[in-house]
Amino acid sequence: MKQIATIIAFLAFGFSASAQSANGRTADMATMKDGKVILTNAGTMSELKKDFTSANGTIFKPDGSVILNTGVADKLKEGQSMTLDGRKIEVAPTVEMPASPIKK
């Protein structure tokens, strides 16, 4: 019984909490991390080195500046994320899963 409770707790709290789209893959977004913009696009992550224009016309700049397709300017702060269509989102940090406490 104790093992079942441990398994339930492990499953409830141990999963990674990253932004995912409805189809289960990582969402396309830009994130300010350690003063750099990290772009996640089509499942790949890379540091943004030059301006990037998304499909809807939103422009992301390496310094975190964003020009929405409406012309409104914004800027990502440390730890903030924005979808490629210009919506700010909250992304929980990824949690490493601990080794399983269940003995085989």
PDB file of N, CA and C in Angstrom:
ATOM      1  N   MET A   1       0.825  -1.193   0.000  1.00  0.00           N
ATOM      2  CA  MET A   1       0.000   0.000   0.000  1.00  0.00           C
ATOM      3  C   MET A   1       0.871   1.260   0.000  1.00  0.00           C
ATOM      4  N   LYS A   2       1.974   1.202   0.752  1.00  0.00           N
ATOM      5  CA  LYS A   2       2.872   2.348   0.816  1.00  0.00           C
ATOM      6  C   LYS A   2       3.483   2.614  -0.562  1.00  0.00           C
ATOM      7  N   GLN A   3       3.769   1.534  -1.307  1.00  0.00           N
ATOM      8  CA  GLN A   3       4.332   1.705  -2.643  1.00  0.00           C
ATOM      9  C   GLN A   3       3.331   2.379  -3.580  1.00  0.00           C
ATOM     10  N   ILE A   4       2.064   2.040  -3.451  1.00  0.00           N
ATOM     11  CA  ILE A   4       1.047   2.654  -4.301  1.00  0.00           C
ATOM     12  C   ILE A   4       0.954   4.148  -4.012  1.00  0.00           C
ATOM     13  N   ALA A   5       0.979   4.515  -2.740  1.00  0.00           N
ATOM     14  CA  ALA A   5       0.942   5.935  -2.374  1.00  0.00           C
ATOM     15  C   ALA A   5       2.172   6.658  -2.912  1.00  0.00           C
ATOM     16  N   THR A   6       3.320   6.002  -2.850  1.00  0.00           N
ATOM     17  CA  THR A   6       4.553   6.591  -3.364  1.00  0.00           C
ATOM     18  C   THR A   6       4.455   6.792  -4.877  1.00  0.00           C
ATOM     19  N   ILE A   7       3.904   5.802  -5.574  1.00  0.00           N
ATOM     20  CA  ILE A   7       3.760   5.908  -7.024  1.00  0.00           C
ATOM     21  C   ILE A   7       2.832   7.065  -7.381  1.00  0.00           C
ATOM     22  N   ILE A   8       1.716   7.176  -6.682  1.00  0.00           N
ATOM     23  CA  ILE A   8       0.768   8.256  -6.949  1.00  0.00           C
ATOM     24  C   ILE A   8       1.419   9.612  -6.707  1.00  0.00           C
ATOM     25  N   ALA A   9       2.138   9.750  -5.605  1.00  0.00           N
ATOM     26  CA  ALA A   9       2.820  11.014  -5.311  1.00  0.00           C
ATOM     27  C   ALA A   9       3.869  11.319  -6.376  1.00  0.00           C
ATOM     28  N   PHE A  10       4.597  10.307  -6.794  1.00  0.00           N
ATOM     29  CA  PHE A  10       5.623  10.467  -7.817  1.00  0.00           C
ATOM     30  C   PHE A  10       4.997  10.951  -9.122  1.00  0.00           C
ATOM     31  N   LEU A  11       3.899  10.327  -9.517  1.00  0.00           N
ATOM     32  CA  LEU A  11       3.239  10.718 -10.755  1.00  0.00           C
ATOM     33  C   LEU A  11       2.635  12.111 -10.667  1.00  0.00           C
ATOM     34  N   ALA A  12       2.089  12.449  -9.509  1.00  0.00           N
ATOM     35  CA  ALA A  12       1.432  13.741  -9.349  1.00  0.00           C
ATOM     36  C   ALA A  12       2.416  14.899  -9.348  1.00  0.00           C
ATOM     37  N   PHE A  13       3.580  14.711  -8.773  1.00  0.00           N
ATOM     38  CA  PHE A  13       4.508  15.828  -8.595  1.00  0.00           C
ATOM     39  C   PHE A  13       5.781  15.738  -9.424  1.00  0.00           C
ATOM     40  N   GLY A  14       6.061  14.634 -10.039  1.00  0.00           N
ATOM     41  CA  GLY A  14       7.344  14.449 -10.700  1.00  0.00           C
ATOM     42  C   GLY A  14       7.412  14.797 -12.154  1.00  0.00           C
ATOM     43  N   PHE A  15       6.275  15.033 -12.802  1.00  0.00           N
ATOM     44  CA  PHE A  15       6.309  15.283 -14.232  1.00  0.00           C
ATOM     45  C   PHE A  15       6.868  16.650 -14.574  1.00  0.00           C
ATOM     46  N   SER A  16       7.461  16.747 -15.742  1.00  0.00           N
ATOM     47  CA  SER A  16       7.978  18.004 -16.256  1.00  0.00           C
ATOM     48  C   SER A  16       6.825  18.936 -16.578  1.00  0.00           C
ATOM     49  N   ALA A  17       7.026  20.230 -16.321  1.00  0.00           N
ATOM     50  CA  ALA A  17       5.959  21.200 -16.567  1.00  0.00           C
ATOM     51  C   ALA A  17       6.427  22.215 -17.605  1.00  0.00           C
ATOM     52  N   SER A  18       6.515  21.809 -18.846  1.00  0.00           N
ATOM     53  CA  SER A  18       6.900  22.745 -19.898  1.00  0.00           C
ATOM     54  C   SER A  18       5.675  23.076 -20.739  1.00  0.00           C
ATOM     55  N   ALA A  19       5.765  24.169 -21.476  1.00  0.00           N
ATOM     56  CA  ALA A  19       4.627  24.580 -22.312  1.00  0.00           C
ATOM     57  C   ALA A  19       4.502  23.612 -23.473  1.00  0.00           C
ATOM     58  N   GLN A  20       3.325  23.046 -23.618  1.00  0.00           N
ATOM     59  CA  GLN A  20       3.094  22.133 -24.720  1.00  0.00           C
ATOM     60  C   GLN A  20       1.830  22.525 -25.452  1.00  0.00           C
ATOM     61  N   SER A  21       1.854  22.298 -26.734  1.00  0.00           N
ATOM     62  CA  SER A  21       0.659  22.557 -27.516  1.00  0.00           C
ATOM     63  C   SER A  21      -0.272  21.363 -27.389  1.00  0.00           C
ATOM     64  N   ALA A  22      -1.440  21.465 -27.989  1.00  0.00           N
ATOM     65  CA  ALA A  22      -2.448  20.413 -27.886  1.00  0.00           C
ATOM     66  C   ALA A  22      -1.963  19.084 -28.453  1.00  0.00           C
ATOM     67  N   ASN A  23      -1.044  19.121 -29.407  1.00  0.00           N
ATOM     68  CA  ASN A  23      -0.586  17.864 -29.989  1.00  0.00           C
ATOM     69  C   ASN A  23       0.578  17.251 -29.208  1.00  0.00           C
ATOM     70  N   GLY A  24       0.944  17.840 -28.061  1.00  0.00           N
ATOM     71  CA  GLY A  24       1.948  17.253 -27.187  1.00  0.00           C
ATOM     72  C   GLY A  24       3.373  17.706 -27.427  1.00  0.00           C
ATOM     73  N   ARG A  25       3.621  18.461 -28.482  1.00  0.00           N
ATOM     74  CA  ARG A  25       4.996  18.918 -28.690  1.00  0.00           C
ATOM     75  C   ARG A  25       5.192  20.272 -28.014  1.00  0.00           C
ATOM     76  N   THR A  26       6.429  20.650 -27.827  1.00  0.00           N
ATOM     77  CA  THR A  26       6.736  21.914 -27.172  1.00  0.00           C
ATOM     78  C   THR A  26       6.190  23.071 -28.000  1.00  0.00           C
ATOM     79  N   ALA A  27       5.569  24.031 -27.331  1.00  0.00           N
ATOM     80  CA  ALA A  27       4.968  25.174 -28.020  1.00  0.00           C
ATOM     81  C   ALA A  27       6.047  26.074 -28.616  1.00  0.00           C
ATOM     82  N   ASP A  28       5.716  26.703 -29.747  1.00  0.00           N
ATOM     83  CA  ASP A  28       6.621  27.674 -30.367  1.00  0.00           C
ATOM     84  C   ASP A  28       6.535  28.967 -29.581  1.00  0.00           C
ATOM     85  N   MET A  29       7.684  29.464 -29.107  1.00  0.00           N
ATOM     86  CA  MET A  29       7.698  30.660 -28.275  1.00  0.00           C
ATOM     87  C   MET A  29       9.099  31.228 -28.189  1.00  0.00           C
ATOM     88  N   ALA A  30       9.177  32.438 -27.635  1.00  0.00           N
ATOM     89  CA  ALA A  30      10.450  33.086 -27.320  1.00  0.00           C
ATOM     90  C   ALA A  30      10.483  33.278 -25.812  1.00  0.00           C
ATOM     91  N   THR A  31      11.642  33.010 -25.205  1.00  0.00           N
ATOM     92  CA  THR A  31      11.801  33.112 -23.754  1.00  0.00           C
ATOM     93  C   THR A  31      13.076  33.874 -23.435  1.00  0.00           C
ATOM     94  N   MET A  32      12.999  34.826 -22.502  1.00  0.00           N
ATOM     95  CA  MET A  32      14.197  35.538 -22.053  1.00  0.00           C
ATOM     96  C   MET A  32      14.825  34.727 -20.934  1.00  0.00           C
ATOM     97  N   LYS A  33      16.041  34.246 -21.159  1.00  0.00           N
ATOM     98  CA  LYS A  33      16.741  33.421 -20.182  1.00  0.00           C
ATOM     99  C   LYS A  33      18.187  33.885 -20.095  1.00  0.00           C
ATOM    100  N   ASP A  34      18.608  34.291 -18.908  1.00  0.00           N
ATOM    101  CA  ASP A  34      19.984  34.767 -18.676  1.00  0.00           C
ATOM    102  C   ASP A  34      20.367  35.894 -19.637  1.00  0.00           C
ATOM    103  N   GLY A  35      19.404  36.796 -19.892  1.00  0.00           N
ATOM    104  CA  GLY A  35      19.671  37.948 -20.737  1.00  0.00           C
ATOM    105  C   GLY A  35      19.692  37.656 -22.228  1.00  0.00           C
ATOM    106  N   LYS A  36      19.335  36.420 -22.612  1.00  0.00           N
ATOM    107  CA  LYS A  36      19.310  36.033 -24.019  1.00  0.00           C
ATOM    108  C   LYS A  36      17.912  35.562 -24.378  1.00  0.00           C
ATOM    109  N   VAL A  37      17.527  35.773 -25.620  1.00  0.00           N
ATOM    110  CA  VAL A  37      16.232  35.286 -26.085  1.00  0.00           C
ATOM    111  C   VAL A  37      16.448  33.901 -26.678  1.00  0.00           C
ATOM    112  N   ILE A  38      15.724  32.931 -26.133  1.00  0.00           N
ATOM    113  CA  ILE A  38      15.771  31.563 -26.626  1.00  0.00           C
ATOM    114  C   ILE A  38      14.491  31.339 -27.432  1.00  0.00           C
ATOM    115  N   LEU A  39      14.652  31.000 -28.688  1.00  0.00           N
ATOM    116  CA  LEU A  39      13.527  30.791 -29.582  1.00  0.00           C
ATOM    117  C   LEU A  39      13.271  29.296 -29.710  1.00  0.00           C
ATOM    118  N   THR A  40      12.041  28.890 -29.443  1.00  0.00           N
ATOM    119  CA  THR A  40      11.609  27.513 -29.681  1.00  0.00           C
ATOM    120  C   THR A  40      10.683  27.569 -30.869  1.00  0.00           C
ATOM    121  N   ASN A  41      11.084  26.914 -31.954  1.00  0.00           N
ATOM    122  CA  ASN A  41      10.317  26.977 -33.196  1.00  0.00           C
ATOM    123  C   ASN A  41      10.412  25.621 -33.884  1.00  0.00           C
ATOM    124  N   ALA A  42       9.279  25.028 -34.190  1.00  0.00           N
ATOM    125  CA  ALA A  42       9.205  23.724 -34.863  1.00  0.00           C
ATOM    126  C   ALA A  42       9.986  22.658 -34.088  1.00  0.00           C
ATOM    127  N   GLY A  43       9.938  22.745 -32.753  1.00  0.00           N
ATOM    128  CA  GLY A  43      10.550  21.723 -31.912  1.00  0.00           C
ATOM    129  C   GLY A  43      12.039  21.905 -31.647  1.00  0.00           C
ATOM    130  N   THR A  44      12.660  22.943 -32.195  1.00  0.00           N
ATOM    131  CA  THR A  44      14.079  23.179 -31.936  1.00  0.00           C
ATOM    132  C   THR A  44      14.263  24.476 -31.150  1.00  0.00           C
ATOM    133  N   MET A  45      15.254  24.480 -30.274  1.00  0.00           N
ATOM    134  CA  MET A  45      15.565  25.656 -29.460  1.00  0.00           C
ATOM    135  C   MET A  45      16.903  26.231 -29.902  1.00  0.00           C
ATOM    136  N   SER A  46      16.953  27.559 -30.018  1.00  0.00           N
ATOM    137  CA  SER A  46      18.211  28.213 -30.363  1.00  0.00           C
ATOM    138  C   SER A  46      18.204  29.630 -29.822  1.00  0.00           C
ATOM    139  N   GLU A  47      19.408  30.150 -29.582  1.00  0.00           N
ATOM    140  CA  GLU A  47      19.531  31.532 -29.139  1.00  0.00           C
ATOM    141  C   GLU A  47      19.247  32.433 -30.335  1.00  0.00           C
ATOM    142  N   LEU A  48      18.441  33.458 -30.108  1.00  0.00           N
ATOM    143  CA  LEU A  48      18.102  34.394 -31.170  1.00  0.00           C
ATOM    144  C   LEU A  48      19.288  35.335 -31.388  1.00  0.00           C
ATOM    145  N   LYS A  49      19.875  35.303 -32.576  1.00  0.00           N
ATOM    146  CA  LYS A  49      21.050  36.118 -32.892  1.00  0.00           C
ATOM    147  C   LYS A  49      20.709  37.319 -33.775  1.00  0.00           C
ATOM    148  N   LYS A  50      19.569  37.227 -34.488  1.00  0.00           N
ATOM    149  CA  LYS A  50      19.133  38.332 -35.339  1.00  0.00           C
ATOM    150  C   LYS A  50      17.616  38.390 -35.279  1.00  0.00           C
ATOM    151  N   ASP A  51      17.051  39.469 -35.790  1.00  0.00           N
ATOM    152  CA  ASP A  51      15.595  39.628 -35.763  1.00  0.00           C
ATOM    153  C   ASP A  51      14.917  38.414 -36.388  1.00  0.00           C
ATOM    154  N   PHE A  52      13.799  38.019 -35.781  1.00  0.00           N
ATOM    155  CA  PHE A  52      12.994  36.903 -36.282  1.00  0.00           C
ATOM    156  C   PHE A  52      11.572  37.392 -36.460  1.00  0.00           C
ATOM    157  N   THR A  53      11.018  37.197 -37.640  1.00  0.00           N
ATOM    158  CA  THR A  53       9.636  37.576 -37.906  1.00  0.00           C
ATOM    159  C   THR A  53       8.797  36.313 -37.993  1.00  0.00           C
ATOM    160  N   SER A  54       7.773  36.225 -37.131  1.00  0.00           N
ATOM    161  CA  SER A  54       6.910  35.046 -37.113  1.00  0.00           C
ATOM    162  C   SER A  54       5.924  35.099 -38.273  1.00  0.00           C
ATOM    163  N   ALA A  55       5.169  34.031 -38.432  1.00  0.00           N
ATOM    164  CA  ALA A  55       4.222  33.924 -39.542  1.00  0.00           C
ATOM    165  C   ALA A  55       3.173  35.030 -39.530  1.00  0.00           C
ATOM    166  N   ASN A  56       2.804  35.529 -38.330  1.00  0.00           N
ATOM    167  CA  ASN A  56       1.768  36.577 -38.289  1.00  0.00           C
ATOM    168  C   ASN A  56       2.358  37.989 -38.306  1.00  0.00           C
ATOM    169  N   GLY A  57       3.674  38.104 -38.454  1.00  0.00           N
ATOM    170  CA  GLY A  57       4.306  39.416 -38.562  1.00  0.00           C
ATOM    171  C   GLY A  57       4.900  39.964 -37.279  1.00  0.00           C
ATOM    172  N   THR A  58       4.772  39.244 -36.164  1.00  0.00           N
ATOM    173  CA  THR A  58       5.388  39.680 -34.912  1.00  0.00           C
ATOM    174  C   THR A  58       6.900  39.553 -35.051  1.00  0.00           C
ATOM    175  N   ILE A  59       7.622  40.604 -34.641  1.00  0.00           N
ATOM    176  CA  ILE A  59       9.079  40.633 -34.781  1.00  0.00           C
ATOM    177  C   ILE A  59       9.717  40.492 -33.400  1.00  0.00           C
ATOM    178  N   PHE A  60      10.613  39.524 -33.263  1.00  0.00           N
ATOM    179  CA  PHE A  60      11.369  39.299 -32.028  1.00  0.00           C
ATOM    180  C   PHE A  60      12.808  39.707 -32.274  1.00  0.00           C
ATOM    181  N   LYS A  61      13.374  40.474 -31.330  1.00  0.00           N
ATOM    182  CA  LYS A  61      14.746  40.957 -31.463  1.00  0.00           C
ATOM    183  C   LYS A  61      15.622  40.299 -30.391  1.00  0.00           C
ATOM    184  N   PRO A  62      16.921  40.150 -30.655  1.00  0.00           N
ATOM    185  CA  PRO A  62      17.814  39.479 -29.712  1.00  0.00           C
ATOM    186  C   PRO A  62      17.889  40.120 -28.320  1.00  0.00           C
ATOM    187  N   ASP A  63      17.568  41.418 -28.205  1.00  0.00           N
ATOM    188  CA  ASP A  63      17.619  42.079 -26.891  1.00  0.00           C
ATOM    189  C   ASP A  63      16.327  41.894 -26.091  1.00  0.00           C
ATOM    190  N   GLY A  64      15.361  41.138 -26.655  1.00  0.00           N
ATOM    191  CA  GLY A  64      14.093  40.907 -25.971  1.00  0.00           C
ATOM    192  C   GLY A  64      12.977  41.833 -26.414  1.00  0.00           C
ATOM    193  N   SER A  65      13.294  42.798 -27.263  1.00  0.00           N
ATOM    194  CA  SER A  65      12.256  43.680 -27.789  1.00  0.00           C
ATOM    195  C   SER A  65      11.350  42.896 -28.728  1.00  0.00           C
ATOM    196  N   VAL A  66      10.071  43.214 -28.685  1.00  0.00           N
ATOM    197  CA  VAL A  66       9.088  42.554 -29.538  1.00  0.00           C
ATOM    198  C   VAL A  66       8.212  43.638 -30.159  1.00  0.00           C
ATOM    199  N   ILE A  67       7.993  43.547 -31.448  1.00  0.00           N
ATOM    200  CA  ILE A  67       7.053  44.439 -32.118  1.00  0.00           C
ATOM    201  C   ILE A  67       5.916  43.558 -32.618  1.00  0.00           C
ATOM    202  N   LEU A  68       4.761  43.725 -31.999  1.00  0.00           N
ATOM    203  CA  LEU A  68       3.607  42.922 -32.372  1.00  0.00           C
ATOM    204  C   LEU A  68       3.128  43.284 -33.770  1.00  0.00           C
ATOM    205  N   ASN A  69       2.345  42.409 -34.371  1.00  0.00           N
ATOM    206  CA  ASN A  69       1.863  42.683 -35.733  1.00  0.00           C
ATOM    207  C   ASN A  69       0.919  43.876 -35.778  1.00  0.00           C
ATOM    208  N   THR A  70       0.495  44.354 -34.619  1.00  0.00           N
ATOM    209  CA  THR A  70      -0.333  45.567 -34.541  1.00  0.00           C
ATOM    210  C   THR A  70       0.515  46.829 -34.488  1.00  0.00           C
ATOM    211  N   GLY A  71       1.845  46.670 -34.382  1.00  0.00           N
ATOM    212  CA  GLY A  71       2.754  47.802 -34.269  1.00  0.00           C
ATOM    213  C   GLY A  71       3.111  48.162 -32.840  1.00  0.00           C
ATOM    214  N   VAL A  72       2.446  47.549 -31.869  1.00  0.00           N
ATOM    215  CA  VAL A  72       2.718  47.815 -30.452  1.00  0.00           C
ATOM    216  C   VAL A  72       4.046  47.180 -30.058  1.00  0.00           C
ATOM    217  N   ALA A  73       4.902  47.956 -29.373  1.00  0.00           N
ATOM    218  CA  ALA A  73       6.200  47.468 -28.918  1.00  0.00           C
ATOM    219  C   ALA A  73       6.092  46.931 -27.494  1.00  0.00           C
ATOM    220  N   ASP A  74       6.841  45.895 -27.211  1.00  0.00           N
ATOM    221  CA  ASP A  74       6.888  45.283 -25.886  1.00  0.00           C
ATOM    222  C   ASP A  74       8.309  44.780 -25.678  1.00  0.00           C
ATOM    223  N   LYS A  75       8.604  44.321 -24.500  1.00  0.00           N
ATOM    224  CA  LYS A  75       9.939  43.769 -24.230  1.00  0.00           C
ATOM    225  C   LYS A  75       9.810  42.635 -23.229  1.00  0.00           C
ATOM    226  N   LEU A  76      10.460  41.526 -23.540  1.00  0.00           N
ATOM    227  CA  LEU A  76      10.469  40.393 -22.626  1.00  0.00           C
ATOM    228  C   LEU A  76      11.379  40.690 -21.440  1.00  0.00           C
ATOM    229  N   LYS A  77      10.909  40.360 -20.254  1.00  0.00           N
ATOM    230  CA  LYS A  77      11.729  40.465 -19.047  1.00  0.00           C
ATOM    231  C   LYS A  77      12.299  39.088 -18.748  1.00  0.00           C
ATOM    232  N   GLU A  78      13.297  39.044 -17.900  1.00  0.00           N
ATOM    233  CA  GLU A  78      13.921  37.775 -17.529  1.00  0.00           C
ATOM    234  C   GLU A  78      12.864  36.775 -17.070  1.00  0.00           C
ATOM    235  N   GLY A  79      12.881  35.590 -17.681  1.00  0.00           N
ATOM    236  CA  GLY A  79      11.958  34.528 -17.318  1.00  0.00           C
ATOM    237  C   GLY A  79      10.622  34.575 -18.033  1.00  0.00           C
ATOM    238  N   GLN A  80      10.333  35.649 -18.765  1.00  0.00           N
ATOM    239  CA  GLN A  80       9.063  35.746 -19.480  1.00  0.00           C
ATOM    240  C   GLN A  80       9.126  34.998 -20.807  1.00  0.00           C
ATOM    241  N   SER A  81       7.960  34.512 -21.217  1.00  0.00           N
ATOM    242  CA  SER A  81       7.832  33.841 -22.512  1.00  0.00           C
ATOM    243  C   SER A  81       6.678  34.454 -23.284  1.00  0.00           C
ATOM    244  N   MET A  82       6.779  34.365 -24.604  1.00  0.00           N
ATOM    245  CA  MET A  82       5.730  34.881 -25.472  1.00  0.00           C
ATOM    246  C   MET A  82       5.593  33.927 -26.652  1.00  0.00           C
ATOM    247  N   THR A  83       4.341  33.593 -26.977  1.00  0.00           N
ATOM    248  CA  THR A  83       4.116  32.764 -28.154  1.00  0.00           C
ATOM    249  C   THR A  83       4.515  33.551 -29.399  1.00  0.00           C
ATOM    250  N   LEU A  84       4.714  32.856 -30.493  1.00  0.00           N
ATOM    251  CA  LEU A  84       5.157  33.533 -31.703  1.00  0.00           C
ATOM    252  C   LEU A  84       4.090  34.423 -32.315  1.00  0.00           C
ATOM    253  N   ASP A  85       2.849  34.322 -31.804  1.00  0.00           N
ATOM    254  CA  ASP A  85       1.819  35.257 -32.268  1.00  0.00           C
ATOM    255  C   ASP A  85       1.648  36.435 -31.308  1.00  0.00           C
ATOM    256  N   GLY A  86       2.551  36.546 -30.311  1.00  0.00           N
ATOM    257  CA  GLY A  86       2.595  37.734 -29.461  1.00  0.00           C
ATOM    258  C   GLY A  86       1.834  37.673 -28.154  1.00  0.00           C
ATOM    259  N   ARG A  87       1.422  36.498 -27.708  1.00  0.00           N
ATOM    260  CA  ARG A  87       0.723  36.381 -26.420  1.00  0.00           C
ATOM    261  C   ARG A  87       1.719  35.996 -25.334  1.00  0.00           C
ATOM    262  N   LYS A  88       1.767  36.774 -24.243  1.00  0.00           N
ATOM    263  CA  LYS A  88       2.629  36.416 -23.117  1.00  0.00           C
ATOM    264  C   LYS A  88       2.033  35.206 -22.414  1.00  0.00           C
ATOM    265  N   ILE A  89       2.884  34.273 -22.045  1.00  0.00           N
ATOM    266  CA  ILE A  89       2.429  33.069 -21.375  1.00  0.00           C
ATOM    267  C   ILE A  89       3.294  32.794 -20.153  1.00  0.00           C
ATOM    268  N   GLU A  90       2.723  32.072 -19.215  1.00  0.00           N
ATOM    269  CA  GLU A  90       3.452  31.627 -18.034  1.00  0.00           C
ATOM    270  C   GLU A  90       3.943  30.212 -18.296  1.00  0.00           C
ATOM    271  N   VAL A  91       5.220  29.997 -18.127  1.00  0.00           N
ATOM    272  CA  VAL A  91       5.791  28.669 -18.328  1.00  0.00           C
ATOM    273  C   VAL A  91       6.476  28.268 -17.035  1.00  0.00           C
ATOM    274  N   ALA A  92       6.042  27.153 -16.473  1.00  0.00           N
ATOM    275  CA  ALA A  92       6.666  26.648 -15.252  1.00  0.00           C
ATOM    276  C   ALA A  92       8.037  26.091 -15.610  1.00  0.00           C
ATOM    277  N   PRO A  93       9.006  26.228 -14.703  1.00  0.00           N
ATOM    278  CA  PRO A  93      10.321  25.666 -14.980  1.00  0.00           C
ATOM    279  C   PRO A  93      10.247  24.149 -15.087  1.00  0.00           C
ATOM    280  N   THR A  94      11.113  23.591 -15.896  1.00  0.00           N
ATOM    281  CA  THR A  94      11.151  22.141 -16.043  1.00  0.00           C
ATOM    282  C   THR A  94      11.659  21.520 -14.755  1.00  0.00           C
ATOM    283  N   VAL A  95      10.981  20.491 -14.315  1.00  0.00           N
ATOM    284  CA  VAL A  95      11.348  19.797 -13.085  1.00  0.00           C
ATOM    285  C   VAL A  95      11.965  18.471 -13.464  1.00  0.00           C
ATOM    286  N   GLU A  96      13.150  18.188 -12.941  1.00  0.00           N
ATOM    287  CA  GLU A  96      13.794  16.912 -13.190  1.00  0.00           C
ATOM    288  C   GLU A  96      13.076  15.831 -12.404  1.00  0.00           C
ATOM    289  N   MET A  97      12.844  14.702 -13.043  1.00  0.00           N
ATOM    290  CA  MET A  97      12.196  13.602 -12.339  1.00  0.00           C
ATOM    291  C   MET A  97      13.233  12.847 -11.519  1.00  0.00           C
ATOM    292  N   PRO A  98      12.960  12.639 -10.234  1.00  0.00           N
ATOM    293  CA  PRO A  98      13.907  11.891  -9.402  1.00  0.00           C
ATOM    294  C   PRO A  98      13.894  10.417  -9.780  1.00  0.00           C
ATOM    295  N   ALA A  99      14.941   9.729  -9.357  1.00  0.00           N
ATOM    296  CA  ALA A  99      14.990   8.290  -9.586  1.00  0.00           C
ATOM    297  C   ALA A  99      13.819   7.631  -8.877  1.00  0.00           C
ATOM    298  N   SER A 100      13.305   6.598  -9.465  1.00  0.00           N
ATOM    299  CA  SER A 100      12.149   5.929  -8.898  1.00  0.00           C
ATOM    300  C   SER A 100      12.485   5.301  -7.537  1.00  0.00           C
ATOM    301  N   PRO A 101      11.631   5.548  -6.514  1.00  0.00           N
ATOM    302  CA  PRO A 101      11.886   4.958  -5.194  1.00  0.00           C
ATOM    303  C   PRO A 101      11.418   3.511  -5.112  1.00  0.00           C
ATOM    304  N   ILE A 102      10.852   2.988  -6.176  1.00  0.00           N
ATOM    305  CA  ILE A 102      10.326   1.635  -6.154  1.00  0.00           C
ATOM    306  C   ILE A 102      11.455   0.643  -6.449  1.00  0.00           C
ATOM    307  N   LYS A 103      11.583  -0.334  -5.571  1.00  0.00           N
ATOM    308  CA  LYS A 103      12.595  -1.368  -5.759  1.00  0.00           C
ATOM    309  C   LYS A 103      12.039  -2.468  -6.626  1.00  0.00           C
ATOM    310  N   LYS A 104      12.871  -2.960  -7.499  1.00  0.00           N
ATOM    311  CA  LYS A 104      12.434  -4.043  -8.394  1.00  0.00           C
ATOM    312  C   LYS A 104      12.855  -5.378  -7.846  1.00  0.00           C
TER     313      LYS A 104
END
